[in-house]
Amino acid sequence: MDFYRKIIKKAYQYLKYNGYLCLEIGYDQKFDVIELLENEEKYSDIYCKKDAYGNDRIIVAKLK
């Protein structure tokens, strides 16, 4: 989870206004990564997409 914390804290510096941050996750990391994004308060419209096998795979968040 350490690299997710680092990416989430610094990504806003590299994204355009209303840009999207997309993070590939392990099937059991959905709620932990979403919590990190929500706590940062720089992101909105956070959701998860599933892979072809129905596992949680990508978290998408929009920069506020």
Protein backbone atom coordinates (compact mmCIF):
# COMPACT_ATOMS: atom_id res chain seq x y z
CA MET A 1 0.00 0.00 0.00
CA ASP A 2 3.00 2.32 0.40
CA PHE A 3 3.36 3.00 -3.32
CA TYR A 4 -0.38 3.73 -3.60
CA ARG A 5 -0.01 6.33 -0.84
CA LYS A 6 2.92 7.95 -2.67
CA ILE A 7 1.16 7.97 -6.04
CA ILE A 8 -2.11 9.32 -4.61
CA LYS A 9 -0.35 12.10 -2.67
CA LYS A 10 1.66 13.35 -5.67
CA ALA A 11 -0.46 12.52 -8.73
CA TYR A 12 -2.43 15.78 -8.58
CA GLN A 13 0.79 17.65 -9.46
CA TYR A 14 0.93 15.82 -12.81
CA LEU A 15 -2.75 15.66 -13.72
CA LYS A 16 -4.69 18.33 -15.55
CA TYR A 17 -7.78 19.82 -13.93
CA ASN A 18 -10.53 17.16 -14.08
CA GLY A 19 -7.91 14.58 -15.10
CA TYR A 20 -8.23 10.94 -14.07
CA LEU A 21 -6.01 8.78 -11.92
CA CYS A 22 -6.33 5.06 -12.74
CA LEU A 23 -4.72 2.51 -10.47
CA GLU A 24 -4.50 -1.21 -11.08
CA ILE A 25 -5.20 -3.12 -7.87
CA GLY A 26 -5.19 -6.64 -6.53
CA TYR A 27 -8.62 -8.25 -6.28
CA ASP A 28 -8.75 -7.66 -2.50
CA GLN A 29 -7.43 -4.05 -2.34
CA LYS A 30 -10.51 -2.15 -3.51
CA PHE A 31 -11.67 -0.72 -0.19
CA ASP A 32 -8.18 0.15 1.06
CA VAL A 33 -7.26 2.10 -2.08
CA ILE A 34 -10.63 3.86 -2.22
CA GLU A 35 -10.17 4.90 1.41
CA LEU A 36 -6.75 6.38 0.61
CA LEU A 37 -8.24 8.40 -2.25
CA GLU A 38 -11.17 9.63 -0.16
CA ASN A 39 -8.87 10.68 2.69
CA GLU A 40 -6.71 12.73 0.32
CA GLU A 41 -9.77 14.92 -0.53
CA LYS A 42 -8.37 15.89 -3.94
CA TYR A 43 -10.35 13.27 -5.86
CA SER A 44 -14.00 12.69 -6.66
CA ASP A 45 -16.13 10.29 -8.69
CA ILE A 46 -14.15 7.32 -7.36
CA TYR A 47 -15.20 3.93 -8.67
CA CYS A 48 -13.91 0.44 -9.37
CA LYS A 49 -13.93 -1.50 -12.63
CA LYS A 50 -13.81 -5.27 -12.83
CA ASP A 51 -11.61 -7.38 -15.10
CA ALA A 52 -12.79 -10.05 -17.55
CA TYR A 53 -13.03 -12.58 -14.71
CA GLY A 54 -15.22 -10.36 -12.53
CA ASN A 55 -12.48 -9.39 -10.07
CA ASP A 56 -12.02 -5.80 -8.89
CA ARG A 57 -9.06 -4.59 -10.96
CA ILE A 58 -8.94 -0.80 -11.56
CA ILE A 59 -9.78 2.15 -9.35
CA VAL A 60 -10.62 5.34 -11.23
CA ALA A 61 -10.67 8.75 -9.54
CA LYS A 62 -11.22 12.23 -10.98
CA LEU A 63 -9.08 15.14 -9.81
CA LYS A 64 -11.23 17.89 -8.28
